[in-house]
Protein backbone atom coordinates (compact mmCIF):
# COMPACT_ATOMS: atom_id res chain seq x y z
CA MET A 1 9.09 11.99 -31.96
CA SER A 2 12.32 12.36 -30.00
CA ASP A 3 11.03 15.58 -28.43
CA ALA A 4 8.00 13.78 -27.02
CA LEU A 5 9.97 10.84 -25.63
CA GLY A 6 12.11 10.69 -22.56
CA PRO A 7 13.57 8.11 -20.21
CA GLY A 8 10.91 5.99 -18.58
CA GLU A 9 8.32 6.39 -21.37
CA LEU A 10 6.55 3.32 -22.75
CA VAL A 11 6.81 2.44 -26.45
CA LEU A 12 5.22 -0.30 -28.52
CA CYS A 13 7.37 -2.19 -31.04
CA VAL A 14 5.58 -2.13 -34.40
CA ASN A 15 8.43 -3.20 -36.69
CA ALA A 16 10.61 -6.19 -35.86
CA ALA A 17 12.01 -6.47 -39.38
CA PRO A 18 15.73 -7.23 -39.77
CA ASN A 19 18.15 -4.42 -38.97
CA HIS A 20 17.94 -2.02 -41.91
CA VAL A 21 21.66 -1.24 -41.75
CA THR A 22 23.25 -4.68 -41.32
CA GLY A 23 20.36 -6.98 -42.35
CA GLN A 24 20.74 -9.10 -39.22
CA PRO A 25 17.64 -10.25 -37.30
CA VAL A 26 16.68 -8.10 -34.34
CA PRO A 27 15.85 -9.36 -30.83
CA LEU A 28 12.77 -7.10 -30.63
CA VAL A 29 9.28 -8.63 -30.70
CA ALA A 30 6.48 -6.90 -32.60
CA GLY A 31 3.60 -6.08 -30.27
CA GLU A 32 5.79 -6.02 -27.14
CA THR A 33 5.96 -2.97 -24.89
CA TYR A 34 9.38 -1.59 -23.97
CA ARG A 35 10.49 1.14 -21.56
CA VAL A 36 12.85 3.77 -22.96
CA LEU A 37 16.12 3.91 -21.04
CA GLU A 38 17.74 6.67 -23.07
CA VAL A 39 17.06 8.81 -26.14
CA MET A 40 20.20 9.50 -28.16
CA ASP A 41 20.08 12.43 -30.58
CA PHE A 42 21.81 10.78 -33.50
CA ALA A 43 20.68 10.60 -37.09
CA CYS A 44 19.83 6.99 -37.89
CA PRO A 45 21.73 5.66 -40.92
CA CYS A 46 18.39 4.95 -42.64
CA GLY A 47 17.68 8.69 -42.71
CA ARG A 48 14.13 8.29 -41.37
CA SER A 49 14.66 9.42 -37.78
CA ASP A 50 16.65 11.93 -35.80
CA ALA A 51 17.13 9.83 -32.67
CA LEU A 52 17.92 6.32 -31.53
CA LEU A 53 16.15 4.68 -28.59
CA ASP A 54 17.84 2.47 -26.02
CA VAL A 55 15.22 0.04 -24.68
CA GLY A 56 17.62 -2.36 -22.96
CA VAL A 57 17.58 -4.94 -25.77
CA GLY A 58 20.63 -5.01 -27.98
CA PHE A 59 22.02 -1.54 -28.46
CA ALA A 60 19.95 1.37 -29.80
CA TRP A 61 17.10 1.16 -32.26
CA CYS A 62 15.65 3.53 -34.82
CA GLN A 63 12.64 5.29 -33.35
CA THR A 64 10.58 4.40 -36.46
CA ARG A 65 10.31 0.86 -35.03
CA PHE A 66 8.26 2.13 -32.08
CA ARG A 67 5.05 4.01 -31.33
CA HIS A 68 4.70 6.13 -28.22
CA LEU A 69 2.16 4.81 -25.69
CA PRO A 70 0.31 7.31 -23.50
CA LYS A 71 0.80 7.17 -19.77
CA PRO A 72 -1.99 5.30 -18.00
CA LYS A 73 -4.41 7.64 -16.28
CA ALA A 74 -4.92 7.24 -12.57
CA THR A 75 -8.44 6.40 -11.53
CA THR A 76 -9.95 7.00 -8.13
CA ARG A 77 -11.98 4.32 -6.45
CA THR A 78 -14.11 4.58 -3.36
CA ARG A 79 -13.55 1.75 -0.95
CA ARG A 80 -16.04 0.33 1.46
CA THR A 81 -14.99 -0.12 5.03
CA SER A 82 -16.63 -2.65 7.27
CA THR A 83 -17.77 -1.71 10.73
CA PRO A 84 -17.32 -4.18 13.57
CA LYS A 85 -20.43 -6.00 14.73
CA LYS A 86 -21.70 -5.12 18.17
CA LEU A 87 -21.82 -8.09 20.48
CA GLN A 88 -24.35 -8.38 23.25
CA PRO A 89 -23.09 -9.73 26.54
CA VAL A 90 -24.56 -13.08 27.58
């Protein structure tokens, strides 16, 4: 997963369980979207991931807590323009 992620990517928090290293509660909210600030290539102490993600909350979190969200696709819309009404002189 760390190869697919980079700074600025959107991730969805799917696991807000207590920290699996210290057991302390985490400030992350399950179902919230976070923007990745930095991907740190470091083996997580849990042994389940090869990178930690910095999302601006706390320090760095195991990437197994998140799912990668695709970038929104741009859509084109056609806009209507109004033409001025012609006035007849009185």
